[in-house]
């Protein structure tokens, strides 16, 4: 198994990496237990925007603090990255053109804090 170590990522790199993938995980509390839901998303104007947020799970998240995680891992080399954004979620109808071109109901998460780590090979 390849040996790796963890590097802390800066905010700019975290946001850039989030923009490089289309699927992430929304992390929230449901019935006092942790819950994770895979979602499609986009990053726009300091927000994680999750389109077509429908259903009772989305209704319960309006004005709550949630976490959002996305990553990319190479199973063969055991390298990759993970970024976590934390902030307050808000259900919105049609989004402003300056935020995104998406239409319809969405969950918008204000990115209040973002952290990330990269797994890199250990130099021999």
PDB file of N, CA and C in Angstrom:
ATOM      1  N   UNK A   1       0.848  -1.169   0.000  1.00  0.00           N
ATOM      2  CA  UNK A   1       0.000   0.000   0.000  1.00  0.00           C
ATOM      3  C   UNK A   1       0.900   1.241   0.000  1.00  0.00           C
ATOM      4  N   UNK A   2       0.627   2.195  -0.921  1.00  0.00           N
ATOM      5  CA  UNK A   2       1.443   3.422  -0.972  1.00  0.00           C
ATOM      6  C   UNK A   2       1.317   4.223   0.324  1.00  0.00           C
ATOM      7  N   UNK A   3       2.390   4.871   0.717  1.00  0.00           N
ATOM      8  CA  UNK A   3       2.401   5.688   1.919  1.00  0.00           C
ATOM      9  C   UNK A   3       2.072   7.141   1.555  1.00  0.00           C
ATOM     10  N   UNK A   4       1.162   7.758   2.319  1.00  0.00           N
ATOM     11  CA  UNK A   4       0.772   9.147   2.056  1.00  0.00           C
ATOM     12  C   UNK A   4       0.807   9.959   3.337  1.00  0.00           C
ATOM     13  N   UNK A   5       0.823  11.273   3.154  1.00  0.00           N
ATOM     14  CA  UNK A   5       0.690  12.191   4.282  1.00  0.00           C
ATOM     15  C   UNK A   5      -0.330  13.254   3.903  1.00  0.00           C
ATOM     16  N   UNK A   6      -0.843  13.944   4.907  1.00  0.00           N
ATOM     17  CA  UNK A   6      -1.907  14.920   4.714  1.00  0.00           C
ATOM     18  C   UNK A   6      -1.359  16.343   4.743  1.00  0.00           C
ATOM     19  N   UNK A   7      -1.763  17.152   3.738  1.00  0.00           N
ATOM     20  CA  UNK A   7      -1.410  18.577   3.680  1.00  0.00           C
ATOM     21  C   UNK A   7      -2.670  19.408   3.877  1.00  0.00           C
ATOM     22  N   UNK A   8      -2.554  20.494   4.618  1.00  0.00           N
ATOM     23  CA  UNK A   8      -3.669  21.425   4.785  1.00  0.00           C
ATOM     24  C   UNK A   8      -3.734  22.332   3.562  1.00  0.00           C
ATOM     25  N   UNK A   9      -4.949  22.561   3.043  1.00  0.00           N
ATOM     26  CA  UNK A   9      -5.156  23.401   1.869  1.00  0.00           C
ATOM     27  C   UNK A   9      -5.631  24.794   2.280  1.00  0.00           C
ATOM     28  N   UNK A  10      -5.262  25.797   1.498  1.00  0.00           N
ATOM     29  CA  UNK A  10      -5.735  27.162   1.714  1.00  0.00           C
ATOM     30  C   UNK A  10      -7.146  27.338   1.171  1.00  0.00           C
ATOM     31  N   UNK A  11      -7.770  28.438   1.541  1.00  0.00           N
ATOM     32  CA  UNK A  11      -9.156  28.712   1.149  1.00  0.00           C
ATOM     33  C   UNK A  11      -9.305  28.768  -0.370  1.00  0.00           C
ATOM     34  N   UNK A  12      -8.429  29.484  -1.056  1.00  0.00           N
ATOM     35  CA  UNK A  12      -8.535  29.590  -2.528  1.00  0.00           C
ATOM     36  C   UNK A  12      -8.463  28.233  -3.202  1.00  0.00           C
ATOM     37  N   UNK A  13      -7.523  27.412  -2.751  1.00  0.00           N
ATOM     38  CA  UNK A  13      -7.396  26.084  -3.352  1.00  0.00           C
ATOM     39  C   UNK A  13      -8.626  25.235  -3.048  1.00  0.00           C
ATOM     40  N   UNK A  14      -9.157  25.356  -1.838  1.00  0.00           N
ATOM     41  CA  UNK A  14     -10.377  24.618  -1.482  1.00  0.00           C
ATOM     42  C   UNK A  14     -11.525  24.975  -2.430  1.00  0.00           C
ATOM     43  N   UNK A  15     -11.732  26.265  -2.656  1.00  0.00           N
ATOM     44  CA  UNK A  15     -12.825  26.702  -3.530  1.00  0.00           C
ATOM     45  C   UNK A  15     -12.583  26.255  -4.968  1.00  0.00           C
ATOM     46  N   UNK A  16     -11.351  26.304  -5.417  1.00  0.00           N
ATOM     47  CA  UNK A  16     -11.016  25.846  -6.762  1.00  0.00           C
ATOM     48  C   UNK A  16     -11.305  24.358  -6.916  1.00  0.00           C
ATOM     49  N   UNK A  17     -10.931  23.570  -5.928  1.00  0.00           N
ATOM     50  CA  UNK A  17     -11.194  22.136  -5.980  1.00  0.00           C
ATOM     51  C   UNK A  17     -12.695  21.844  -5.966  1.00  0.00           C
ATOM     52  N   UNK A  18     -13.459  22.586  -5.166  1.00  0.00           N
ATOM     53  CA  UNK A  18     -14.911  22.385  -5.163  1.00  0.00           C
ATOM     54  C   UNK A  18     -15.498  22.640  -6.545  1.00  0.00           C
ATOM     55  N   UNK A  19     -14.963  23.635  -7.243  1.00  0.00           N
ATOM     56  CA  UNK A  19     -15.459  23.949  -8.591  1.00  0.00           C
ATOM     57  C   UNK A  19     -15.097  22.873  -9.613  1.00  0.00           C
ATOM     58  N   UNK A  20     -14.183  21.986  -9.266  1.00  0.00           N
ATOM     59  CA  UNK A  20     -13.706  20.983 -10.227  1.00  0.00           C
ATOM     60  C   UNK A  20     -14.540  19.707 -10.257  1.00  0.00           C
ATOM     61  N   UNK A  21     -15.498  19.569  -9.354  1.00  0.00           N
ATOM     62  CA  UNK A  21     -16.344  18.373  -9.320  1.00  0.00           C
ATOM     63  C   UNK A  21     -17.811  18.789  -9.306  1.00  0.00           C
ATOM     64  N   UNK A  22     -18.696  17.863  -9.633  1.00  0.00           N
ATOM     65  CA  UNK A  22     -20.125  18.192  -9.741  1.00  0.00           C
ATOM     66  C   UNK A  22     -20.997  17.520  -8.683  1.00  0.00           C
ATOM     67  N   UNK A  23     -20.442  16.568  -7.937  1.00  0.00           N
ATOM     68  CA  UNK A  23     -21.219  15.855  -6.922  1.00  0.00           C
ATOM     69  C   UNK A  23     -20.489  15.947  -5.591  1.00  0.00           C
ATOM     70  N   UNK A  24     -21.255  16.209  -4.535  1.00  0.00           N
ATOM     71  CA  UNK A  24     -20.705  16.273  -3.188  1.00  0.00           C
ATOM     72  C   UNK A  24     -21.686  15.655  -2.212  1.00  0.00           C
ATOM     73  N   UNK A  25     -21.469  15.907  -0.926  1.00  0.00           N
ATOM     74  CA  UNK A  25     -22.318  15.343   0.122  1.00  0.00           C
ATOM     75  C   UNK A  25     -22.766  16.444   1.066  1.00  0.00           C
ATOM     76  N   UNK A  26     -24.060  16.529   1.267  1.00  0.00           N
ATOM     77  CA  UNK A  26     -24.625  17.466   2.222  1.00  0.00           C
ATOM     78  C   UNK A  26     -24.756  16.737   3.550  1.00  0.00           C
ATOM     79  N   UNK A  27     -24.209  17.329   4.608  1.00  0.00           N
ATOM     80  CA  UNK A  27     -24.195  16.705   5.928  1.00  0.00           C
ATOM     81  C   UNK A  27     -25.061  17.546   6.857  1.00  0.00           C
ATOM     82  N   UNK A  28     -26.010  16.892   7.530  1.00  0.00           N
ATOM     83  CA  UNK A  28     -26.936  17.602   8.402  1.00  0.00           C
ATOM     84  C   UNK A  28     -27.411  16.677   9.507  1.00  0.00           C
ATOM     85  N   UNK A  29     -28.184  17.209  10.410  1.00  0.00           N
ATOM     86  CA  UNK A  29     -28.740  16.423  11.502  1.00  0.00           C
ATOM     87  C   UNK A  29     -30.203  16.126  11.203  1.00  0.00           C
ATOM     88  N   UNK A  30     -30.582  14.852  11.330  1.00  0.00           N
ATOM     89  CA  UNK A  30     -31.971  14.435  11.130  1.00  0.00           C
ATOM     90  C   UNK A  30     -32.374  13.566  12.305  1.00  0.00           C
ATOM     91  N   UNK A  31     -33.377  14.008  13.028  1.00  0.00           N
ATOM     92  CA  UNK A  31     -33.841  13.288  14.218  1.00  0.00           C
ATOM     93  C   UNK A  31     -32.688  13.057  15.196  1.00  0.00           C
ATOM     94  N   UNK A  32     -31.887  14.082  15.386  1.00  0.00           N
ATOM     95  CA  UNK A  32     -30.755  14.093  16.317  1.00  0.00           C
ATOM     96  C   UNK A  32     -29.645  13.121  15.938  1.00  0.00           C
ATOM     97  N   UNK A  33     -29.637  12.668  14.674  1.00  0.00           N
ATOM     98  CA  UNK A  33     -28.587  11.778  14.195  1.00  0.00           C
ATOM     99  C   UNK A  33     -27.931  12.379  12.960  1.00  0.00           C
ATOM    100  N   UNK A  34     -26.653  12.053  12.717  1.00  0.00           N
ATOM    101  CA  UNK A  34     -26.002  12.556  11.506  1.00  0.00           C
ATOM    102  C   UNK A  34     -26.651  11.949  10.259  1.00  0.00           C
ATOM    103  N   UNK A  35     -26.780  12.771   9.226  1.00  0.00           N
ATOM    104  CA  UNK A  35     -27.323  12.310   7.945  1.00  0.00           C
ATOM    105  C   UNK A  35     -26.464  12.881   6.826  1.00  0.00           C
ATOM    106  N   UNK A  36     -26.286  12.107   5.776  1.00  0.00           N
ATOM    107  CA  UNK A  36     -25.489  12.527   4.630  1.00  0.00           C
ATOM    108  C   UNK A  36     -26.275  12.204   3.368  1.00  0.00           C
ATOM    109  N   UNK A  37     -26.363  13.187   2.464  1.00  0.00           N
ATOM    110  CA  UNK A  37     -27.101  13.004   1.213  1.00  0.00           C
ATOM    111  C   UNK A  37     -26.204  13.410   0.047  1.00  0.00           C
ATOM    112  N   UNK A  38     -25.996  12.513  -0.926  1.00  0.00           N
ATOM    113  CA  UNK A  38     -25.235  12.915  -2.109  1.00  0.00           C
ATOM    114  C   UNK A  38     -26.066  13.887  -2.944  1.00  0.00           C
ATOM    115  N   UNK A  39     -25.427  14.947  -3.441  1.00  0.00           N
ATOM    116  CA  UNK A  39     -26.140  15.979  -4.197  1.00  0.00           C
ATOM    117  C   UNK A  39     -25.271  16.514  -5.326  1.00  0.00           C
ATOM    118  N   UNK A  40     -25.931  17.009  -6.372  1.00  0.00           N
ATOM    119  CA  UNK A  40     -25.224  17.784  -7.382  1.00  0.00           C
ATOM    120  C   UNK A  40     -25.180  19.221  -6.868  1.00  0.00           C
ATOM    121  N   UNK A  41     -24.212  20.001  -7.336  1.00  0.00           N
ATOM    122  CA  UNK A  41     -24.065  21.353  -6.801  1.00  0.00           C
ATOM    123  C   UNK A  41     -23.257  22.208  -7.751  1.00  0.00           C
ATOM    124  N   UNK A  42     -23.246  23.482  -7.446  1.00  0.00           N
ATOM    125  CA  UNK A  42     -22.342  24.424  -8.093  1.00  0.00           C
ATOM    126  C   UNK A  42     -21.875  25.409  -7.024  1.00  0.00           C
ATOM    127  N   UNK A  43     -20.751  26.055  -7.272  1.00  0.00           N
ATOM    128  CA  UNK A  43     -20.232  27.080  -6.370  1.00  0.00           C
ATOM    129  C   UNK A  43     -20.428  28.415  -7.065  1.00  0.00           C
ATOM    130  N   UNK A  44     -21.078  29.363  -6.376  1.00  0.00           N
ATOM    131  CA  UNK A  44     -21.331  30.676  -6.979  1.00  0.00           C
ATOM    132  C   UNK A  44     -21.419  31.731  -5.893  1.00  0.00           C
ATOM    133  N   UNK A  45     -20.674  32.809  -6.056  1.00  0.00           N
ATOM    134  CA  UNK A  45     -20.766  33.998  -5.192  1.00  0.00           C
ATOM    135  C   UNK A  45     -20.709  33.675  -3.704  1.00  0.00           C
ATOM    136  N   UNK A  46     -19.814  32.787  -3.293  1.00  0.00           N
ATOM    137  CA  UNK A  46     -19.652  32.466  -1.878  1.00  0.00           C
ATOM    138  C   UNK A  46     -20.678  31.501  -1.325  1.00  0.00           C
ATOM    139  N   UNK A  47     -21.383  30.805  -2.205  1.00  0.00           N
ATOM    140  CA  UNK A  47     -22.404  29.847  -1.792  1.00  0.00           C
ATOM    141  C   UNK A  47     -22.187  28.508  -2.463  1.00  0.00           C
ATOM    142  N   UNK A  48     -22.595  27.440  -1.777  1.00  0.00           N
ATOM    143  CA  UNK A  48     -22.801  26.145  -2.409  1.00  0.00           C
ATOM    144  C   UNK A  48     -24.267  26.144  -2.798  1.00  0.00           C
ATOM    145  N   UNK A  49     -24.572  25.929  -4.067  1.00  0.00           N
ATOM    146  CA  UNK A  49     -25.957  25.943  -4.534  1.00  0.00           C
ATOM    147  C   UNK A  49     -26.332  24.535  -4.960  1.00  0.00           C
ATOM    148  N   UNK A  50     -27.354  23.985  -4.298  1.00  0.00           N
ATOM    149  CA  UNK A  50     -27.836  22.635  -4.575  1.00  0.00           C
ATOM    150  C   UNK A  50     -29.180  22.771  -5.279  1.00  0.00           C
ATOM    151  N   UNK A  51     -29.219  22.487  -6.586  1.00  0.00           N
ATOM    152  CA  UNK A  51     -30.450  22.693  -7.344  1.00  0.00           C
ATOM    153  C   UNK A  51     -31.512  21.655  -7.020  1.00  0.00           C
ATOM    154  N   UNK A  52     -32.743  22.006  -7.345  1.00  0.00           N
ATOM    155  CA  UNK A  52     -33.868  21.079  -7.253  1.00  0.00           C
ATOM    156  C   UNK A  52     -33.965  20.433  -5.874  1.00  0.00           C
ATOM    157  N   UNK A  53     -33.810  21.234  -4.815  1.00  0.00           N
ATOM    158  CA  UNK A  53     -33.886  20.733  -3.442  1.00  0.00           C
ATOM    159  C   UNK A  53     -35.349  20.555  -3.056  1.00  0.00           C
ATOM    160  N   UNK A  54     -35.853  19.371  -3.265  1.00  0.00           N
ATOM    161  CA  UNK A  54     -37.257  19.084  -2.980  1.00  0.00           C
ATOM    162  C   UNK A  54     -37.363  17.945  -1.979  1.00  0.00           C
ATOM    163  N   UNK A  55     -38.439  17.944  -1.234  1.00  0.00           N
ATOM    164  CA  UNK A  55     -38.677  16.863  -0.279  1.00  0.00           C
ATOM    165  C   UNK A  55     -38.564  17.349   1.144  1.00  0.00           C
ATOM    166  N   UNK A  56     -39.013  16.497   2.049  1.00  0.00           N
ATOM    167  CA  UNK A  56     -39.049  16.885   3.458  1.00  0.00           C
ATOM    168  C   UNK A  56     -37.664  17.136   4.015  1.00  0.00           C
ATOM    169  N   UNK A  57     -36.647  16.431   3.509  1.00  0.00           N
ATOM    170  CA  UNK A  57     -35.283  16.655   4.012  1.00  0.00           C
ATOM    171  C   UNK A  57     -34.838  18.081   3.744  1.00  0.00           C
ATOM    172  N   UNK A  58     -35.144  18.615   2.562  1.00  0.00           N
ATOM    173  CA  UNK A  58     -34.739  19.979   2.213  1.00  0.00           C
ATOM    174  C   UNK A  58     -35.538  21.003   3.020  1.00  0.00           C
ATOM    175  N   UNK A  59     -36.828  20.757   3.188  1.00  0.00           N
ATOM    176  CA  UNK A  59     -37.672  21.679   3.962  1.00  0.00           C
ATOM    177  C   UNK A  59     -37.140  21.873   5.379  1.00  0.00           C
ATOM    178  N   UNK A  60     -36.634  20.819   5.970  1.00  0.00           N
ATOM    179  CA  UNK A  60     -36.162  20.877   7.361  1.00  0.00           C
ATOM    180  C   UNK A  60     -34.812  21.579   7.509  1.00  0.00           C
ATOM    181  N   UNK A  61     -34.123  21.831   6.393  1.00  0.00           N
ATOM    182  CA  UNK A  61     -32.787  22.429   6.472  1.00  0.00           C
ATOM    183  C   UNK A  61     -32.784  23.944   6.356  1.00  0.00           C
ATOM    184  N   UNK A  62     -33.920  24.537   5.994  1.00  0.00           N
ATOM    185  CA  UNK A  62     -33.986  25.990   5.855  1.00  0.00           C
ATOM    186  C   UNK A  62     -33.581  26.665   7.163  1.00  0.00           C
ATOM    187  N   UNK A  63     -32.588  27.536   7.087  1.00  0.00           N
ATOM    188  CA  UNK A  63     -32.063  28.314   8.220  1.00  0.00           C
ATOM    189  C   UNK A  63     -31.356  27.464   9.275  1.00  0.00           C
ATOM    190  N   UNK A  64     -30.788  26.342   8.866  1.00  0.00           N
ATOM    191  CA  UNK A  64     -29.998  25.521   9.788  1.00  0.00           C
ATOM    192  C   UNK A  64     -28.544  25.503   9.321  1.00  0.00           C
ATOM    193  N   UNK A  65     -27.637  25.181  10.221  1.00  0.00           N
ATOM    194  CA  UNK A  65     -26.228  25.067   9.876  1.00  0.00           C
ATOM    195  C   UNK A  65     -25.989  23.650   9.356  1.00  0.00           C
ATOM    196  N   UNK A  66     -25.335  23.567   8.197  1.00  0.00           N
ATOM    197  CA  UNK A  66     -25.030  22.284   7.573  1.00  0.00           C
ATOM    198  C   UNK A  66     -23.560  22.268   7.169  1.00  0.00           C
ATOM    199  N   UNK A  67     -23.091  21.100   6.811  1.00  0.00           N
ATOM    200  CA  UNK A  67     -21.755  20.956   6.241  1.00  0.00           C
ATOM    201  C   UNK A  67     -21.916  20.387   4.838  1.00  0.00           C
ATOM    202  N   UNK A  68     -20.977  20.743   3.980  1.00  0.00           N
ATOM    203  CA  UNK A  68     -20.961  20.224   2.624  1.00  0.00           C
ATOM    204  C   UNK A  68     -19.561  19.704   2.354  1.00  0.00           C
ATOM    205  N   UNK A  69     -19.457  18.483   1.817  1.00  0.00           N
ATOM    206  CA  UNK A  69     -18.148  17.884   1.559  1.00  0.00           C
ATOM    207  C   UNK A  69     -18.099  17.383   0.133  1.00  0.00           C
ATOM    208  N   UNK A  70     -16.947  17.603  -0.505  1.00  0.00           N
ATOM    209  CA  UNK A  70     -16.664  17.025  -1.813  1.00  0.00           C
ATOM    210  C   UNK A  70     -15.223  16.546  -1.803  1.00  0.00           C
ATOM    211  N   UNK A  71     -14.942  15.550  -2.634  1.00  0.00           N
ATOM    212  CA  UNK A  71     -13.590  15.010  -2.653  1.00  0.00           C
ATOM    213  C   UNK A  71     -13.301  14.357  -3.989  1.00  0.00           C
ATOM    214  N   UNK A  72     -12.060  13.998  -4.157  1.00  0.00           N
ATOM    215  CA  UNK A  72     -11.630  13.212  -5.301  1.00  0.00           C
ATOM    216  C   UNK A  72     -10.467  12.364  -4.820  1.00  0.00           C
ATOM    217  N   UNK A  73     -10.630  11.052  -4.878  1.00  0.00           N
ATOM    218  CA  UNK A  73      -9.639  10.122  -4.342  1.00  0.00           C
ATOM    219  C   UNK A  73      -9.210   9.151  -5.433  1.00  0.00           C
ATOM    220  N   UNK A  74      -7.910   8.916  -5.531  1.00  0.00           N
ATOM    221  CA  UNK A  74      -7.369   7.918  -6.444  1.00  0.00           C
ATOM    222  C   UNK A  74      -7.128   6.647  -5.628  1.00  0.00           C
ATOM    223  N   UNK A  75      -7.926   5.630  -5.857  1.00  0.00           N
ATOM    224  CA  UNK A  75      -7.834   4.389  -5.078  1.00  0.00           C
ATOM    225  C   UNK A  75      -6.491   3.681  -5.273  1.00  0.00           C
ATOM    226  N   UNK A  76      -5.922   3.780  -6.475  1.00  0.00           N
ATOM    227  CA  UNK A  76      -4.673   3.078  -6.754  1.00  0.00           C
ATOM    228  C   UNK A  76      -3.494   3.671  -5.989  1.00  0.00           C
ATOM    229  N   UNK A  77      -3.429   5.002  -5.920  1.00  0.00           N
ATOM    230  CA  UNK A  77      -2.284   5.655  -5.268  1.00  0.00           C
ATOM    231  C   UNK A  77      -2.582   6.108  -3.843  1.00  0.00           C
ATOM    232  N   UNK A  78      -3.846   6.027  -3.452  1.00  0.00           N
ATOM    233  CA  UNK A  78      -4.294   6.493  -2.135  1.00  0.00           C
ATOM    234  C   UNK A  78      -4.054   7.985  -1.939  1.00  0.00           C
ATOM    235  N   UNK A  79      -4.076   8.742  -3.040  1.00  0.00           N
ATOM    236  CA  UNK A  79      -3.917  10.190  -2.977  1.00  0.00           C
ATOM    237  C   UNK A  79      -5.239  10.848  -3.324  1.00  0.00           C
ATOM    238  N   UNK A  80      -5.335  12.143  -3.065  1.00  0.00           N
ATOM    239  CA  UNK A  80      -6.552  12.881  -3.397  1.00  0.00           C
ATOM    240  C   UNK A  80      -6.753  14.031  -2.448  1.00  0.00           C
ATOM    241  N   UNK A  81      -7.990  14.526  -2.405  1.00  0.00           N
ATOM    242  CA  UNK A  81      -8.296  15.682  -1.572  1.00  0.00           C
ATOM    243  C   UNK A  81      -9.728  15.592  -1.052  1.00  0.00           C
ATOM    244  N   UNK A  82      -9.980  16.354   0.004  1.00  0.00           N
ATOM    245  CA  UNK A  82     -11.313  16.486   0.573  1.00  0.00           C
ATOM    246  C   UNK A  82     -11.476  17.926   1.057  1.00  0.00           C
ATOM    247  N   UNK A  83     -12.617  18.539   0.733  1.00  0.00           N
ATOM    248  CA  UNK A  83     -12.916  19.903   1.162  1.00  0.00           C
ATOM    249  C   UNK A  83     -14.261  19.908   1.872  1.00  0.00           C
ATOM    250  N   UNK A  84     -14.327  20.619   2.997  1.00  0.00           N
ATOM    251  CA  UNK A  84     -15.565  20.752   3.766  1.00  0.00           C
ATOM    252  C   UNK A  84     -15.907  22.232   3.918  1.00  0.00           C
ATOM    253  N   UNK A  85     -17.129  22.576   3.544  1.00  0.00           N
ATOM    254  CA  UNK A  85     -17.649  23.934   3.736  1.00  0.00           C
ATOM    255  C   UNK A  85     -18.767  23.865   4.762  1.00  0.00           C
ATOM    256  N   UNK A  86     -18.797  24.833   5.668  1.00  0.00           N
ATOM    257  CA  UNK A  86     -19.826  24.891   6.709  1.00  0.00           C
ATOM    258  C   UNK A  86     -20.526  26.230   6.621  1.00  0.00           C
ATOM    259  N   UNK A  87     -21.849  26.212   6.783  1.00  0.00           N
ATOM    260  CA  UNK A  87     -22.596  27.463   6.766  1.00  0.00           C
ATOM    261  C   UNK A  87     -24.083  27.232   6.932  1.00  0.00           C
ATOM    262  N   UNK A  88     -24.810  28.334   6.957  1.00  0.00           N
ATOM    263  CA  UNK A  88     -26.257  28.280   7.126  1.00  0.00           C
ATOM    264  C   UNK A  88     -26.932  28.040   5.779  1.00  0.00           C
ATOM    265  N   UNK A  89     -27.872  27.102   5.761  1.00  0.00           N
ATOM    266  CA  UNK A  89     -28.624  26.766   4.551  1.00  0.00           C
ATOM    267  C   UNK A  89     -29.873  27.639   4.455  1.00  0.00           C
ATOM    268  N   UNK A  90     -30.266  27.911   3.224  1.00  0.00           N
ATOM    269  CA  UNK A  90     -31.479  28.699   2.976  1.00  0.00           C
ATOM    270  C   UNK A  90     -32.171  28.156   1.732  1.00  0.00           C
ATOM    271  N   UNK A  91     -33.463  27.842   1.856  1.00  0.00           N
ATOM    272  CA  UNK A  91     -34.246  27.441   0.689  1.00  0.00           C
ATOM    273  C   UNK A  91     -34.620  28.689  -0.086  1.00  0.00           C
ATOM    274  N   UNK A  92     -34.411  28.650  -1.391  1.00  0.00           N
ATOM    275  CA  UNK A  92     -34.723  29.805  -2.232  1.00  0.00           C
ATOM    276  C   UNK A  92     -35.495  29.334  -3.453  1.00  0.00           C
ATOM    277  N   UNK A  93     -36.278  30.266  -4.015  1.00  0.00           N
ATOM    278  CA  UNK A  93     -36.991  29.995  -5.262  1.00  0.00           C
ATOM    279  C   UNK A  93     -36.050  30.268  -6.409  1.00  0.00           C
ATOM    280  N   UNK A  94     -36.523  30.930  -7.451  1.00  0.00           N
ATOM    281  CA  UNK A  94     -35.656  31.266  -8.577  1.00  0.00           C
ATOM    282  C   UNK A  94     -34.472  32.087  -8.087  1.00  0.00           C
ATOM    283  N   UNK A  95     -33.280  31.678  -8.467  1.00  0.00           N
ATOM    284  CA  UNK A  95     -32.070  32.364  -8.029  1.00  0.00           C
ATOM    285  C   UNK A  95     -31.746  33.510  -8.968  1.00  0.00           C
ATOM    286  N   UNK A  96     -31.131  34.523  -8.419  1.00  0.00           N
ATOM    287  CA  UNK A  96     -30.728  35.670  -9.216  1.00  0.00           C
ATOM    288  C   UNK A  96     -29.751  35.233 -10.301  1.00  0.00           C
ATOM    289  N   UNK A  97     -29.798  35.905 -11.444  1.00  0.00           N
ATOM    290  CA  UNK A  97     -28.884  35.605 -12.550  1.00  0.00           C
ATOM    291  C   UNK A  97     -27.427  35.740 -12.131  1.00  0.00           C
ATOM    292  N   UNK A  98     -27.125  36.665 -11.204  1.00  0.00           N
ATOM    293  CA  UNK A  98     -25.737  36.857 -10.806  1.00  0.00           C
ATOM    294  C   UNK A  98     -25.229  35.737  -9.909  1.00  0.00           C
ATOM    295  N   UNK A  99     -26.124  34.956  -9.327  1.00  0.00           N
ATOM    296  CA  UNK A  99     -25.710  33.831  -8.483  1.00  0.00           C
ATOM    297  C   UNK A  99     -25.526  32.586  -9.337  1.00  0.00           C
ATOM    298  N   UNK A 100     -26.487  32.285 -10.181  1.00  0.00           N
ATOM    299  CA  UNK A 100     -26.414  31.092 -11.026  1.00  0.00           C
ATOM    300  C   UNK A 100     -27.489  31.166 -12.092  1.00  0.00           C
ATOM    301  N   UNK A 101     -27.325  30.402 -13.120  1.00  0.00           N
ATOM    302  CA  UNK A 101     -28.337  30.368 -14.176  1.00  0.00           C
ATOM    303  C   UNK A 101     -29.413  29.336 -13.882  1.00  0.00           C
ATOM    304  N   UNK A 102     -29.332  28.653 -12.750  1.00  0.00           N
ATOM    305  CA  UNK A 102     -30.326  27.641 -12.406  1.00  0.00           C
ATOM    306  C   UNK A 102     -31.671  28.280 -12.123  1.00  0.00           C
ATOM    307  N   UNK A 103     -32.705  27.561 -12.446  1.00  0.00           N
ATOM    308  CA  UNK A 103     -34.063  28.000 -12.138  1.00  0.00           C
ATOM    309  C   UNK A 103     -34.741  26.933 -11.294  1.00  0.00           C
ATOM    310  N   UNK A 104     -35.720  27.343 -10.519  1.00  0.00           N
ATOM    311  CA  UNK A 104     -36.422  26.409  -9.649  1.00  0.00           C
ATOM    312  C   UNK A 104     -35.915  26.508  -8.228  1.00  0.00           C
ATOM    313  N   UNK A 105     -36.470  25.712  -7.377  1.00  0.00           N
ATOM    314  CA  UNK A 105     -36.128  25.739  -5.960  1.00  0.00           C
ATOM    315  C   UNK A 105     -34.736  25.152  -5.735  1.00  0.00           C
ATOM    316  N   UNK A 106     -33.991  25.788  -4.850  1.00  0.00           N
ATOM    317  CA  UNK A 106     -32.631  25.333  -4.555  1.00  0.00           C
ATOM    318  C   UNK A 106     -32.342  25.538  -3.075  1.00  0.00           C
ATOM    319  N   UNK A 107     -31.343  24.839  -2.600  1.00  0.00           N
ATOM    320  CA  UNK A 107     -30.816  25.049  -1.258  1.00  0.00           C
ATOM    321  C   UNK A 107     -29.490  25.764  -1.436  1.00  0.00           C
ATOM    322  N   UNK A 108     -29.371  26.918  -0.815  1.00  0.00           N
ATOM    323  CA  UNK A 108     -28.170  27.747  -0.924  1.00  0.00           C
ATOM    324  C   UNK A 108     -27.473  27.725   0.435  1.00  0.00           C
ATOM    325  N   UNK A 109     -26.217  27.319   0.456  1.00  0.00           N
ATOM    326  CA  UNK A 109     -25.445  27.252   1.704  1.00  0.00           C
ATOM    327  C   UNK A 109     -24.393  28.344   1.671  1.00  0.00           C
ATOM    328  N   UNK A 110     -24.508  29.290   2.582  1.00  0.00           N
ATOM    329  CA  UNK A 110     -23.526  30.365   2.696  1.00  0.00           C
ATOM    330  C   UNK A 110     -22.219  29.767   3.225  1.00  0.00           C
ATOM    331  N   UNK A 111     -21.141  29.906   2.459  1.00  0.00           N
ATOM    332  CA  UNK A 111     -19.855  29.340   2.890  1.00  0.00           C
ATOM    333  C   UNK A 111     -19.253  30.269   3.939  1.00  0.00           C
ATOM    334  N   UNK A 112     -19.418  29.894   5.198  1.00  0.00           N
ATOM    335  CA  UNK A 112     -18.888  30.684   6.306  1.00  0.00           C
ATOM    336  C   UNK A 112     -17.501  30.213   6.709  1.00  0.00           C
ATOM    337  N   UNK A 113     -17.231  28.931   6.481  1.00  0.00           N
ATOM    338  CA  UNK A 113     -15.925  28.354   6.810  1.00  0.00           C
ATOM    339  C   UNK A 113     -15.636  27.244   5.816  1.00  0.00           C
ATOM    340  N   UNK A 114     -14.412  27.192   5.320  1.00  0.00           N
ATOM    341  CA  UNK A 114     -14.029  26.132   4.395  1.00  0.00           C
ATOM    342  C   UNK A 114     -12.647  25.625   4.777  1.00  0.00           C
ATOM    343  N   UNK A 115     -12.507  24.311   4.831  1.00  0.00           N
ATOM    344  CA  UNK A 115     -11.230  23.681   5.150  1.00  0.00           C
ATOM    345  C   UNK A 115     -11.000  22.531   4.184  1.00  0.00           C
ATOM    346  N   UNK A 116      -9.749  22.179   3.997  1.00  0.00           N
ATOM    347  CA  UNK A 116      -9.455  21.068   3.100  1.00  0.00           C
ATOM    348  C   UNK A 116      -8.132  20.420   3.401  1.00  0.00           C
ATOM    349  N   UNK A 117      -8.003  19.200   2.925  1.00  0.00           N
ATOM    350  CA  UNK A 117      -6.771  18.433   3.080  1.00  0.00           C
ATOM    351  C   UNK A 117      -6.503  17.665   1.800  1.00  0.00           C
ATOM    352  N   UNK A 118      -5.225  17.508   1.503  1.00  0.00           N
ATOM    353  CA  UNK A 118      -4.813  16.721   0.345  1.00  0.00           C
ATOM    354  C   UNK A 118      -3.920  15.587   0.844  1.00  0.00           C
ATOM    355  N   UNK A 119      -4.165  14.372   0.348  1.00  0.00           N
ATOM    356  CA  UNK A 119      -3.292  13.240   0.617  1.00  0.00           C
ATOM    357  C   UNK A 119      -2.266  13.157  -0.497  1.00  0.00           C
ATOM    358  N   UNK A 120      -0.992  13.236  -0.137  1.00  0.00           N
ATOM    359  CA  UNK A 120       0.089  13.220  -1.124  1.00  0.00           C
ATOM    360  C   UNK A 120       1.049  12.067  -0.786  1.00  0.00           C
ATOM    361  N   UNK A 121       1.740  11.544  -1.799  1.00  0.00           N
ATOM    362  CA  UNK A 121       2.707  10.472  -1.530  1.00  0.00           C
ATOM    363  C   UNK A 121       3.841  10.953  -0.632  1.00  0.00           C
ATOM    364  N   UNK A 122       4.294  10.100   0.230  1.00  0.00           N
ATOM    365  CA  UNK A 122       5.436  10.416   1.088  1.00  0.00           C
ATOM    366  C   UNK A 122       6.706  10.210   0.258  1.00  0.00           C
ATOM    367  N   UNK A 123       7.576  11.209   0.286  1.00  0.00           N
ATOM    368  CA  UNK A 123       8.835  11.114  -0.453  1.00  0.00           C
ATOM    369  C   UNK A 123       9.702  10.012   0.145  1.00  0.00           C
ATOM    370  N   UNK A 124      10.288   9.211  -0.723  1.00  0.00           N
ATOM    371  CA  UNK A 124      11.121   8.096  -0.245  1.00  0.00           C
ATOM    372  C   UNK A 124      12.459   8.583   0.258  1.00  0.00           C
TER     373      UNK A 124
END
